Structures are given as C-alpha cells and as structure tokens.
C-alpha cells in the first residue's frame, strides 16, 4: 500500500444498502482498516445518507436502519475509551479492539424520501464537491484516461449491438456474455 498522510484524500466506494458495504464503511471510518488492511490515513471523512420515509415500509425495519445511521455518526464523533469498554464488562483481550478514539469526521444527510429528484440532487452535490476539490488541488477531476479508453472501446461495441459490424469480435468472456444477454433481453421487450 502507498504511504499516506492525514492530508491525503482517501475515498471508499461502498455498495448502496448492502450489509457488507455498511460494515466496510464503518470499519474504515472508525479504525482506518478495511478487511484487515491498515491504511496510513488516520482520518477518513465519511458521509451517511438516510431518508425519513421508506419506499418499502416493513414494520419497524426502517426505524432500525435509521437508528444505526444516527448511531454511526455519534460513534465516530465520540468513540469509546478503553475505560468505558472495560466498565461494560468486555474481556480484557477484546478491549483494544473495542476501543475507538472518536473525533472522526462524518456528515449525515437526511432527506425526506428517495425520489428521482433527491437522487439527482445528491449526484449533483457530489459532482460539485469533486469539481471543487479538483480546483483546490489543481487537477482536472473529470479528465479520466480510463474513462476515455472505455469510450473508444464503446464505439466498437455500439456498432456490434446495432448490427453494423459482425458479431464475434474478440472481447473478454464477461463482455461477450453481457452483450449476448443484452441482445436477448432487448428482443423480449
């Protein structure tokens, strides 16, 4: 892993609503570790996004999810000292692992409901954030050579999907299967 300092920007993309993603973000935000790998950056800001109304109400499930959202921000802010951990009756060999210093930066965005408009607003917020960070750091945040490579490759695939080029051009097995499945599903519509 590269050596990082507290000033180095570190981002973790976490799957939307996935249990593994929630655990990974909590672990990274509170300890600087993901799946046991130590990251040298001691402070990693994290954003929590929640919605007051569920699109799929299921008993008290939404309240439980929201309680966890609020608790994670509070846990990152205030942590738990080793004395507090010991006082809760945790075995001594676990004290080190259950101690969190707190004072970790986080933001919580609470919207009324997840709607197309809300999602678009969140995307715009993060795009603006990336743009602003790029200006501050003197980089072009949207000049991504890997994305440009994908665009060049997409031209060839578009021709195949539209029947303007023969099928069977060499692709990796994953891309070939995705294209086959796409054609099959498109024809069913």
N, C-alpha and C. Protein backbone atom coordinates (compact mmCIF):
# COMPACT_ATOMS: atom_id res chain seq x y z
N UNK A 1 0.84 -1.19 0.00
CA UNK A 1 0.00 0.00 0.00
C UNK A 1 0.87 1.24 0.00
N UNK A 2 0.42 2.32 -0.66
CA UNK A 2 1.20 3.55 -0.62
C UNK A 2 1.16 4.17 0.77
N UNK A 3 2.19 4.95 1.06
CA UNK A 3 2.21 5.66 2.34
C UNK A 3 1.36 6.91 2.20
N UNK A 4 0.41 7.08 3.09
CA UNK A 4 -0.49 8.22 3.06
C UNK A 4 -0.34 9.03 4.32
N UNK A 5 -0.70 10.29 4.22
CA UNK A 5 -0.72 11.14 5.41
C UNK A 5 -2.15 11.57 5.66
N UNK A 6 -2.36 12.23 6.80
CA UNK A 6 -3.71 12.68 7.14
C UNK A 6 -4.25 13.66 6.10
N UNK A 7 -3.38 14.33 5.36
CA UNK A 7 -3.82 15.32 4.38
C UNK A 7 -4.19 14.69 3.04
N UNK A 8 -3.81 13.42 2.82
CA UNK A 8 -4.10 12.77 1.55
C UNK A 8 -5.56 12.39 1.45
N UNK A 9 -6.21 12.71 0.33
CA UNK A 9 -7.62 12.33 0.19
C UNK A 9 -7.73 10.83 -0.03
N UNK A 10 -8.63 10.20 0.71
CA UNK A 10 -8.88 8.77 0.55
C UNK A 10 -10.38 8.61 0.42
N UNK A 11 -10.81 7.88 -0.61
CA UNK A 11 -12.23 7.65 -0.83
C UNK A 11 -12.49 6.16 -0.83
N UNK A 12 -13.62 5.77 -0.28
CA UNK A 12 -14.06 4.38 -0.31
C UNK A 12 -15.45 4.37 -0.90
N UNK A 13 -15.60 3.61 -1.98
CA UNK A 13 -16.94 3.46 -2.55
C UNK A 13 -17.59 2.26 -1.89
N UNK A 14 -18.77 2.46 -1.38
CA UNK A 14 -19.46 1.42 -0.65
C UNK A 14 -20.77 1.12 -1.35
N UNK A 15 -21.09 -0.16 -1.48
CA UNK A 15 -22.33 -0.57 -2.14
C UNK A 15 -23.55 0.00 -1.45
N UNK A 16 -24.51 0.43 -2.21
CA UNK A 16 -25.71 1.08 -1.72
C UNK A 16 -26.59 0.08 -0.99
N UNK A 17 -26.73 0.23 0.31
CA UNK A 17 -27.65 -0.59 1.08
C UNK A 17 -27.22 -2.02 1.31
N UNK A 18 -25.97 -2.34 1.02
CA UNK A 18 -25.51 -3.71 1.22
C UNK A 18 -24.92 -3.86 2.61
N UNK A 19 -25.19 -4.98 3.25
CA UNK A 19 -24.68 -5.20 4.60
C UNK A 19 -23.16 -5.15 4.62
N UNK A 20 -22.50 -5.76 3.63
CA UNK A 20 -21.04 -5.73 3.59
C UNK A 20 -20.54 -4.31 3.42
N UNK A 21 -21.22 -3.52 2.62
CA UNK A 21 -20.82 -2.13 2.41
C UNK A 21 -20.92 -1.31 3.66
N UNK A 22 -22.01 -1.52 4.40
CA UNK A 22 -22.17 -0.75 5.64
C UNK A 22 -21.06 -1.10 6.61
N UNK A 23 -20.73 -2.38 6.71
CA UNK A 23 -19.66 -2.80 7.62
C UNK A 23 -18.32 -2.25 7.19
N UNK A 24 -18.06 -2.26 5.88
CA UNK A 24 -16.78 -1.75 5.38
C UNK A 24 -16.65 -0.27 5.65
N UNK A 25 -17.73 0.49 5.45
CA UNK A 25 -17.64 1.93 5.67
C UNK A 25 -17.45 2.23 7.15
N UNK A 26 -18.13 1.49 8.02
CA UNK A 26 -17.96 1.72 9.46
C UNK A 26 -16.55 1.39 9.88
N UNK A 27 -16.02 0.27 9.39
CA UNK A 27 -14.68 -0.14 9.76
C UNK A 27 -13.65 0.88 9.29
N UNK A 28 -13.77 1.31 8.05
CA UNK A 28 -12.82 2.29 7.52
C UNK A 28 -12.94 3.60 8.25
N UNK A 29 -14.15 4.07 8.48
CA UNK A 29 -14.34 5.37 9.13
C UNK A 29 -13.89 5.39 10.56
N UNK A 30 -14.06 4.29 11.28
CA UNK A 30 -13.75 4.30 12.70
C UNK A 30 -12.33 3.86 13.02
N UNK A 31 -11.75 2.97 12.19
CA UNK A 31 -10.43 2.44 12.52
C UNK A 31 -9.38 2.72 11.46
N UNK A 32 -9.79 3.10 10.26
CA UNK A 32 -8.83 3.24 9.17
C UNK A 32 -8.49 1.90 8.55
N UNK A 33 -9.22 0.83 8.90
CA UNK A 33 -8.93 -0.50 8.38
C UNK A 33 -10.14 -1.01 7.59
N UNK A 34 -9.85 -1.67 6.49
CA UNK A 34 -10.90 -2.36 5.73
C UNK A 34 -10.42 -3.77 5.50
N UNK A 35 -11.21 -4.72 5.90
CA UNK A 35 -10.90 -6.13 5.73
C UNK A 35 -9.50 -6.45 6.23
N UNK A 36 -9.11 -5.82 7.35
CA UNK A 36 -7.84 -6.12 7.98
C UNK A 36 -6.66 -5.36 7.41
N UNK A 37 -6.84 -4.62 6.31
CA UNK A 37 -5.72 -3.88 5.72
C UNK A 37 -5.59 -2.54 6.40
N UNK A 38 -4.39 -2.20 6.81
CA UNK A 38 -4.16 -0.94 7.51
C UNK A 38 -3.94 0.17 6.49
N UNK A 39 -4.71 1.23 6.59
CA UNK A 39 -4.49 2.41 5.78
C UNK A 39 -3.78 3.43 6.64
N UNK A 40 -2.79 4.12 6.10
CA UNK A 40 -1.99 5.03 6.90
C UNK A 40 -2.73 6.33 7.21
N UNK A 41 -3.78 6.65 6.47
CA UNK A 41 -4.50 7.90 6.71
C UNK A 41 -5.31 7.77 7.99
N UNK A 42 -5.01 8.56 9.01
CA UNK A 42 -5.71 8.41 10.28
C UNK A 42 -7.14 8.95 10.28
N UNK A 43 -7.45 9.90 9.42
CA UNK A 43 -8.79 10.48 9.38
C UNK A 43 -9.38 10.31 7.98
N UNK A 44 -10.51 9.65 7.91
CA UNK A 44 -11.18 9.45 6.63
C UNK A 44 -12.61 9.91 6.79
N UNK A 45 -12.95 11.08 6.24
CA UNK A 45 -14.33 11.57 6.35
C UNK A 45 -15.30 10.60 5.66
N UNK A 46 -16.48 10.51 6.22
CA UNK A 46 -17.49 9.61 5.66
C UNK A 46 -18.83 10.33 5.66
N UNK A 47 -19.61 10.09 4.63
CA UNK A 47 -20.95 10.66 4.53
C UNK A 47 -21.97 9.55 4.72
N UNK A 48 -22.94 9.81 5.57
CA UNK A 48 -24.08 8.91 5.75
C UNK A 48 -25.28 9.58 5.11
N UNK A 49 -26.07 8.82 4.36
CA UNK A 49 -27.24 9.36 3.69
C UNK A 49 -28.44 8.52 4.11
N UNK A 50 -29.45 9.19 4.64
CA UNK A 50 -30.65 8.49 5.08
C UNK A 50 -31.90 9.21 4.61
N UNK A 51 -33.02 8.51 4.69
CA UNK A 51 -34.29 9.04 4.22
C UNK A 51 -35.35 8.82 5.30
N UNK A 52 -36.13 9.86 5.57
CA UNK A 52 -37.12 9.81 6.65
C UNK A 52 -38.25 8.83 6.34
N UNK A 53 -38.62 8.72 5.08
CA UNK A 53 -39.70 7.82 4.70
C UNK A 53 -39.16 6.71 3.81
N UNK A 54 -39.53 5.48 4.16
CA UNK A 54 -39.10 4.33 3.38
C UNK A 54 -40.01 4.17 2.16
N UNK A 55 -39.44 3.74 1.06
CA UNK A 55 -40.24 3.44 -0.14
C UNK A 55 -40.84 2.04 -0.02
N UNK A 56 -40.35 1.26 0.94
CA UNK A 56 -40.81 -0.11 1.14
C UNK A 56 -40.98 -0.37 2.63
N UNK A 57 -42.02 0.20 3.26
CA UNK A 57 -42.19 0.05 4.70
C UNK A 57 -42.35 -1.43 5.09
N UNK A 58 -41.65 -1.80 6.16
CA UNK A 58 -41.72 -3.17 6.64
C UNK A 58 -41.61 -3.13 8.16
N UNK A 59 -42.73 -2.98 8.83
CA UNK A 59 -42.74 -2.91 10.30
C UNK A 59 -41.84 -1.79 10.81
N UNK A 60 -40.98 -2.13 11.75
CA UNK A 60 -40.06 -1.13 12.33
C UNK A 60 -38.68 -1.18 11.68
N UNK A 61 -38.57 -1.92 10.57
CA UNK A 61 -37.27 -2.11 9.91
C UNK A 61 -36.59 -0.77 9.57
N UNK A 62 -37.35 0.18 9.06
CA UNK A 62 -36.77 1.46 8.67
C UNK A 62 -36.25 2.22 9.89
N UNK A 63 -36.99 2.18 10.98
CA UNK A 63 -36.52 2.84 12.21
C UNK A 63 -35.21 2.21 12.70
N UNK A 64 -35.10 0.90 12.58
CA UNK A 64 -33.86 0.22 12.98
C UNK A 64 -32.69 0.67 12.11
N UNK A 65 -32.92 0.74 10.80
CA UNK A 65 -31.87 1.21 9.89
C UNK A 65 -31.47 2.65 10.21
N UNK A 66 -32.45 3.50 10.45
CA UNK A 66 -32.15 4.91 10.75
C UNK A 66 -31.44 5.05 12.09
N UNK A 67 -31.81 4.23 13.07
CA UNK A 67 -31.12 4.26 14.37
C UNK A 67 -29.64 3.93 14.17
N UNK A 68 -29.36 2.96 13.31
CA UNK A 68 -27.96 2.61 13.03
C UNK A 68 -27.25 3.75 12.31
N UNK A 69 -27.92 4.41 11.39
CA UNK A 69 -27.33 5.55 10.70
C UNK A 69 -26.94 6.64 11.70
N UNK A 70 -27.87 7.01 12.58
CA UNK A 70 -27.59 8.06 13.57
C UNK A 70 -26.49 7.62 14.53
N UNK A 71 -26.54 6.36 14.95
CA UNK A 71 -25.56 5.86 15.92
C UNK A 71 -24.14 5.84 15.33
N UNK A 72 -24.01 5.54 14.05
CA UNK A 72 -22.67 5.51 13.46
C UNK A 72 -22.02 6.88 13.49
N UNK A 73 -22.79 7.92 13.16
CA UNK A 73 -22.24 9.28 13.23
C UNK A 73 -21.83 9.63 14.65
N UNK A 74 -22.66 9.27 15.61
CA UNK A 74 -22.35 9.55 17.02
C UNK A 74 -21.12 8.76 17.47
N UNK A 75 -21.03 7.48 17.06
CA UNK A 75 -19.88 6.66 17.44
C UNK A 75 -18.59 7.22 16.86
N UNK A 76 -18.64 7.66 15.61
CA UNK A 76 -17.44 8.25 15.01
C UNK A 76 -17.04 9.54 15.72
N UNK A 77 -18.02 10.32 16.12
CA UNK A 77 -17.73 11.60 16.79
C UNK A 77 -17.14 11.40 18.17
N UNK A 78 -17.70 10.48 18.95
CA UNK A 78 -17.33 10.40 20.36
C UNK A 78 -16.56 9.15 20.74
N UNK A 79 -16.64 8.09 19.94
CA UNK A 79 -15.88 6.89 20.21
C UNK A 79 -16.21 6.25 21.54
N UNK A 80 -15.26 5.44 22.02
CA UNK A 80 -15.43 4.77 23.31
C UNK A 80 -14.03 4.53 23.87
N UNK A 81 -13.77 5.02 25.05
CA UNK A 81 -12.45 4.88 25.66
C UNK A 81 -12.26 3.46 26.18
N UNK A 82 -11.01 3.09 26.42
CA UNK A 82 -10.73 1.76 26.97
C UNK A 82 -11.36 1.60 28.35
N UNK A 83 -11.41 2.67 29.13
CA UNK A 83 -12.06 2.60 30.44
C UNK A 83 -13.55 2.32 30.30
N UNK A 84 -14.19 2.97 29.33
CA UNK A 84 -15.62 2.72 29.09
C UNK A 84 -15.86 1.29 28.63
N UNK A 85 -14.95 0.78 27.79
CA UNK A 85 -15.07 -0.60 27.30
C UNK A 85 -14.94 -1.57 28.47
N UNK A 86 -13.91 -1.36 29.30
CA UNK A 86 -13.72 -2.24 30.46
C UNK A 86 -14.94 -2.20 31.39
N UNK A 87 -15.48 -1.00 31.60
CA UNK A 87 -16.62 -0.84 32.50
C UNK A 87 -17.86 -1.58 31.99
N UNK A 88 -17.91 -1.83 30.67
CA UNK A 88 -19.07 -2.54 30.13
C UNK A 88 -18.93 -4.06 30.25
N UNK A 89 -17.83 -4.51 30.85
CA UNK A 89 -17.66 -5.94 31.11
C UNK A 89 -17.02 -6.73 29.99
N UNK A 90 -16.39 -6.06 29.05
CA UNK A 90 -15.74 -6.74 27.94
C UNK A 90 -14.46 -7.44 28.44
N UNK A 91 -14.19 -8.67 27.99
CA UNK A 91 -12.96 -9.35 28.39
C UNK A 91 -11.73 -8.51 27.99
N UNK A 92 -10.69 -8.55 28.79
CA UNK A 92 -9.51 -7.70 28.59
C UNK A 92 -8.89 -7.89 27.20
N UNK A 93 -8.89 -9.12 26.69
CA UNK A 93 -8.26 -9.34 25.38
C UNK A 93 -9.01 -8.65 24.24
N UNK A 94 -10.24 -8.22 24.47
CA UNK A 94 -11.03 -7.53 23.44
C UNK A 94 -11.00 -6.01 23.59
N UNK A 95 -10.50 -5.51 24.70
CA UNK A 95 -10.56 -4.07 24.98
C UNK A 95 -9.92 -3.25 23.85
N UNK A 96 -8.75 -3.64 23.42
CA UNK A 96 -8.06 -2.90 22.35
C UNK A 96 -8.91 -2.84 21.09
N UNK A 97 -9.59 -3.92 20.77
CA UNK A 97 -10.37 -3.99 19.53
C UNK A 97 -11.70 -3.24 19.62
N UNK A 98 -12.18 -3.02 20.83
CA UNK A 98 -13.47 -2.35 21.02
C UNK A 98 -13.32 -0.89 21.45
N UNK A 99 -12.08 -0.41 21.46
CA UNK A 99 -11.80 0.98 21.82
C UNK A 99 -11.68 1.81 20.54
N UNK A 100 -12.40 2.92 20.48
CA UNK A 100 -12.35 3.82 19.33
C UNK A 100 -12.15 5.22 19.85
N UNK A 101 -11.18 5.92 19.27
CA UNK A 101 -10.85 7.23 19.82
C UNK A 101 -11.90 8.30 19.55
N UNK A 102 -12.74 8.11 18.55
CA UNK A 102 -13.71 9.15 18.22
C UNK A 102 -13.05 10.29 17.48
N UNK A 103 -13.72 11.44 17.46
CA UNK A 103 -13.20 12.62 16.77
C UNK A 103 -12.92 12.33 15.29
N UNK A 104 -13.77 11.49 14.69
CA UNK A 104 -13.67 11.15 13.27
C UNK A 104 -14.71 11.96 12.51
N UNK A 105 -14.30 12.61 11.41
CA UNK A 105 -15.25 13.47 10.68
C UNK A 105 -16.29 12.67 9.92
N UNK A 106 -17.54 13.08 10.06
CA UNK A 106 -18.61 12.50 9.28
C UNK A 106 -19.69 13.55 9.07
N UNK A 107 -20.46 13.34 8.04
CA UNK A 107 -21.63 14.19 7.76
C UNK A 107 -22.82 13.26 7.56
N UNK A 108 -23.96 13.71 7.99
CA UNK A 108 -25.19 12.94 7.77
C UNK A 108 -26.15 13.81 6.97
N UNK A 109 -26.59 13.28 5.85
CA UNK A 109 -27.58 13.96 5.01
C UNK A 109 -28.89 13.22 5.22
N UNK A 110 -29.91 13.94 5.65
CA UNK A 110 -31.21 13.34 5.89
C UNK A 110 -32.22 14.00 4.95
N UNK A 111 -32.75 13.21 4.03
CA UNK A 111 -33.74 13.71 3.08
C UNK A 111 -35.10 13.09 3.42
N UNK A 112 -36.16 13.68 2.89
CA UNK A 112 -37.50 13.16 3.18
C UNK A 112 -37.70 11.75 2.64
N UNK A 113 -37.35 11.56 1.36
CA UNK A 113 -37.62 10.28 0.70
C UNK A 113 -36.69 10.16 -0.50
N UNK A 114 -36.32 8.92 -0.84
CA UNK A 114 -35.52 8.70 -2.03
C UNK A 114 -36.42 8.76 -3.25
N UNK A 115 -36.29 9.83 -4.01
CA UNK A 115 -37.04 10.03 -5.25
C UNK A 115 -36.03 10.30 -6.36
N UNK A 116 -36.46 10.26 -7.61
CA UNK A 116 -35.53 10.61 -8.69
C UNK A 116 -34.92 12.01 -8.49
N UNK A 117 -35.74 12.96 -8.03
CA UNK A 117 -35.24 14.32 -7.81
C UNK A 117 -34.18 14.35 -6.69
N UNK A 118 -34.46 13.63 -5.60
CA UNK A 118 -33.50 13.58 -4.49
C UNK A 118 -32.19 12.94 -4.94
N UNK A 119 -32.30 11.83 -5.67
CA UNK A 119 -31.10 11.15 -6.16
C UNK A 119 -30.30 12.08 -7.08
N UNK A 120 -30.98 12.76 -7.98
CA UNK A 120 -30.30 13.72 -8.87
C UNK A 120 -29.62 14.83 -8.10
N UNK A 121 -30.27 15.30 -7.04
CA UNK A 121 -29.69 16.35 -6.21
C UNK A 121 -28.42 15.84 -5.52
N UNK A 122 -28.46 14.61 -5.03
CA UNK A 122 -27.27 14.03 -4.38
C UNK A 122 -26.13 13.86 -5.38
N UNK A 123 -26.45 13.40 -6.59
CA UNK A 123 -25.41 13.26 -7.61
C UNK A 123 -24.80 14.62 -7.92
N UNK A 124 -25.64 15.64 -8.08
CA UNK A 124 -25.14 16.99 -8.36
C UNK A 124 -24.27 17.50 -7.21
N UNK A 125 -24.67 17.23 -5.98
CA UNK A 125 -23.89 17.63 -4.81
C UNK A 125 -22.50 17.03 -4.86
N UNK A 126 -22.42 15.73 -5.12
CA UNK A 126 -21.11 15.07 -5.14
C UNK A 126 -20.29 15.47 -6.36
N UNK A 127 -20.93 15.69 -7.50
CA UNK A 127 -20.18 16.19 -8.67
C UNK A 127 -19.58 17.56 -8.38
N UNK A 128 -20.36 18.42 -7.74
CA UNK A 128 -19.86 19.74 -7.39
C UNK A 128 -18.70 19.62 -6.39
N UNK A 129 -18.82 18.72 -5.45
CA UNK A 129 -17.76 18.50 -4.47
C UNK A 129 -16.47 18.06 -5.15
N UNK A 130 -16.58 17.10 -6.08
CA UNK A 130 -15.41 16.62 -6.81
C UNK A 130 -14.79 17.75 -7.63
N UNK A 131 -15.62 18.54 -8.30
CA UNK A 131 -15.14 19.67 -9.09
C UNK A 131 -14.39 20.67 -8.21
N UNK A 132 -14.99 21.00 -7.06
CA UNK A 132 -14.37 21.97 -6.16
C UNK A 132 -13.05 21.46 -5.61
N UNK A 133 -13.01 20.19 -5.22
CA UNK A 133 -11.75 19.62 -4.73
C UNK A 133 -10.68 19.66 -5.81
N UNK A 134 -11.07 19.37 -7.05
CA UNK A 134 -10.12 19.43 -8.15
C UNK A 134 -9.54 20.82 -8.34
N UNK A 135 -10.38 21.83 -8.23
CA UNK A 135 -9.90 23.22 -8.33
C UNK A 135 -8.91 23.52 -7.22
N UNK A 136 -9.25 23.15 -6.00
CA UNK A 136 -8.38 23.40 -4.85
C UNK A 136 -7.04 22.69 -5.02
N UNK A 137 -7.06 21.44 -5.49
CA UNK A 137 -5.83 20.66 -5.62
C UNK A 137 -5.12 20.87 -6.95
N UNK A 138 -5.72 21.66 -7.85
CA UNK A 138 -5.09 21.94 -9.13
C UNK A 138 -5.10 20.77 -10.10
N UNK A 139 -6.16 19.97 -10.09
CA UNK A 139 -6.26 18.85 -11.03
C UNK A 139 -7.60 18.93 -11.76
N UNK A 140 -7.65 18.30 -12.93
CA UNK A 140 -8.90 18.22 -13.67
C UNK A 140 -9.61 16.95 -13.24
N UNK A 141 -10.57 17.08 -12.37
CA UNK A 141 -11.25 15.93 -11.78
C UNK A 141 -11.98 15.07 -12.79
N UNK A 142 -12.28 15.62 -13.96
CA UNK A 142 -13.08 14.89 -14.93
C UNK A 142 -12.26 14.42 -16.13
N UNK A 143 -10.95 14.56 -16.08
CA UNK A 143 -10.07 14.08 -17.14
C UNK A 143 -9.56 12.71 -16.70
N UNK A 144 -10.33 11.68 -17.04
CA UNK A 144 -10.02 10.33 -16.59
C UNK A 144 -9.65 9.49 -17.80
N UNK A 145 -8.37 9.15 -17.92
CA UNK A 145 -7.92 8.42 -19.10
C UNK A 145 -8.57 7.06 -19.22
N UNK A 146 -8.85 6.40 -18.12
CA UNK A 146 -9.52 5.11 -18.18
C UNK A 146 -10.91 5.22 -18.76
N UNK A 147 -11.61 6.32 -18.42
CA UNK A 147 -12.94 6.55 -18.97
C UNK A 147 -12.83 6.79 -20.47
N UNK A 148 -11.82 7.53 -20.88
CA UNK A 148 -11.63 7.79 -22.31
C UNK A 148 -11.38 6.49 -23.06
N UNK A 149 -10.61 5.57 -22.48
CA UNK A 149 -10.38 4.28 -23.11
C UNK A 149 -11.70 3.55 -23.28
N UNK A 150 -12.54 3.57 -22.26
CA UNK A 150 -13.84 2.93 -22.33
C UNK A 150 -14.70 3.51 -23.44
N UNK A 151 -14.64 4.83 -23.63
CA UNK A 151 -15.42 5.47 -24.69
C UNK A 151 -14.97 5.01 -26.07
N UNK A 152 -13.66 4.87 -26.26
CA UNK A 152 -13.13 4.39 -27.54
C UNK A 152 -13.59 2.96 -27.79
N UNK A 153 -13.53 2.13 -26.76
CA UNK A 153 -13.95 0.74 -26.90
C UNK A 153 -15.46 0.64 -27.13
N UNK A 154 -16.23 1.56 -26.54
CA UNK A 154 -17.68 1.55 -26.68
C UNK A 154 -18.11 1.75 -28.12
N UNK A 155 -17.38 2.55 -28.89
CA UNK A 155 -17.73 2.79 -30.29
C UNK A 155 -17.79 1.47 -31.05
N UNK A 156 -16.82 0.60 -30.81
CA UNK A 156 -16.79 -0.70 -31.47
C UNK A 156 -17.97 -1.56 -31.02
N UNK A 157 -18.28 -1.51 -29.73
CA UNK A 157 -19.38 -2.33 -29.21
C UNK A 157 -20.72 -1.81 -29.72
N UNK A 158 -20.88 -0.49 -29.81
CA UNK A 158 -22.13 0.08 -30.35
C UNK A 158 -22.39 -0.45 -31.75
N UNK A 159 -21.35 -0.46 -32.58
CA UNK A 159 -21.51 -0.98 -33.94
C UNK A 159 -21.97 -2.44 -33.93
N UNK A 160 -21.45 -3.22 -33.02
CA UNK A 160 -21.87 -4.63 -32.93
C UNK A 160 -23.32 -4.74 -32.44
N UNK A 161 -23.69 -3.94 -31.45
CA UNK A 161 -25.05 -4.00 -30.91
C UNK A 161 -26.08 -3.55 -31.93
N UNK A 162 -25.70 -2.60 -32.77
CA UNK A 162 -26.62 -2.08 -33.78
C UNK A 162 -26.57 -2.88 -35.08
N UNK A 163 -25.74 -3.93 -35.13
CA UNK A 163 -25.66 -4.78 -36.32
C UNK A 163 -24.86 -4.19 -37.45
N UNK A 164 -24.09 -3.14 -37.21
CA UNK A 164 -23.28 -2.50 -38.25
C UNK A 164 -21.91 -3.17 -38.40
N UNK A 165 -21.58 -4.03 -37.48
CA UNK A 165 -20.31 -4.75 -37.52
C UNK A 165 -20.60 -6.21 -37.19
N UNK A 166 -19.80 -7.11 -37.71
CA UNK A 166 -20.06 -8.53 -37.44
C UNK A 166 -19.88 -8.86 -35.96
N UNK A 167 -20.78 -9.75 -35.49
CA UNK A 167 -20.62 -10.23 -34.12
C UNK A 167 -19.42 -11.15 -34.06
N UNK A 168 -18.97 -11.43 -32.87
CA UNK A 168 -17.87 -12.37 -32.72
C UNK A 168 -16.51 -11.72 -32.68
N UNK A 169 -16.46 -10.40 -32.67
CA UNK A 169 -15.17 -9.75 -32.49
C UNK A 169 -14.63 -10.15 -31.12
N UNK A 170 -13.32 -10.14 -30.95
CA UNK A 170 -12.77 -10.61 -29.68
C UNK A 170 -13.07 -9.64 -28.51
N UNK A 171 -13.72 -10.19 -27.51
CA UNK A 171 -13.97 -9.49 -26.25
C UNK A 171 -13.66 -10.49 -25.15
N UNK A 172 -13.52 -10.00 -23.94
CA UNK A 172 -13.37 -10.93 -22.83
C UNK A 172 -14.69 -11.66 -22.64
N UNK A 173 -14.67 -12.77 -21.92
CA UNK A 173 -15.87 -13.58 -21.78
C UNK A 173 -17.00 -12.84 -21.06
N UNK A 174 -16.66 -11.98 -20.09
CA UNK A 174 -17.68 -11.23 -19.38
C UNK A 174 -18.42 -10.25 -20.28
N UNK A 175 -17.66 -9.50 -21.09
CA UNK A 175 -18.27 -8.54 -22.01
C UNK A 175 -19.09 -9.26 -23.07
N UNK A 176 -18.56 -10.36 -23.59
CA UNK A 176 -19.29 -11.14 -24.60
C UNK A 176 -20.62 -11.62 -24.04
N UNK A 177 -20.63 -12.15 -22.81
CA UNK A 177 -21.86 -12.65 -22.21
C UNK A 177 -22.84 -11.50 -21.92
N UNK A 178 -22.34 -10.37 -21.45
CA UNK A 178 -23.21 -9.21 -21.20
C UNK A 178 -23.88 -8.75 -22.50
N UNK A 179 -23.11 -8.70 -23.58
CA UNK A 179 -23.67 -8.28 -24.86
C UNK A 179 -24.71 -9.27 -25.35
N UNK A 180 -24.44 -10.58 -25.20
CA UNK A 180 -25.40 -11.60 -25.61
C UNK A 180 -26.69 -11.46 -24.80
N UNK A 181 -26.54 -11.30 -23.49
CA UNK A 181 -27.72 -11.17 -22.62
C UNK A 181 -28.49 -9.90 -22.94
N UNK A 182 -27.79 -8.81 -23.17
CA UNK A 182 -28.44 -7.54 -23.52
C UNK A 182 -29.28 -7.71 -24.78
N UNK A 183 -28.71 -8.32 -25.82
CA UNK A 183 -29.46 -8.53 -27.06
C UNK A 183 -30.71 -9.38 -26.80
N UNK A 184 -30.55 -10.44 -26.00
CA UNK A 184 -31.67 -11.32 -25.70
C UNK A 184 -32.77 -10.59 -24.97
N UNK A 185 -32.43 -9.82 -23.95
CA UNK A 185 -33.43 -9.07 -23.17
C UNK A 185 -34.05 -7.96 -24.00
N UNK A 186 -33.25 -7.31 -24.84
CA UNK A 186 -33.78 -6.24 -25.69
C UNK A 186 -34.81 -6.77 -26.66
N UNK A 187 -34.59 -7.94 -27.18
CA UNK A 187 -35.53 -8.53 -28.15
C UNK A 187 -36.84 -8.93 -27.49
N UNK A 188 -36.83 -9.23 -26.19
CA UNK A 188 -38.05 -9.61 -25.49
C UNK A 188 -38.96 -8.40 -25.24
N UNK A 189 -38.40 -7.22 -25.23
CA UNK A 189 -39.17 -6.01 -24.89
C UNK A 189 -40.14 -5.62 -25.96
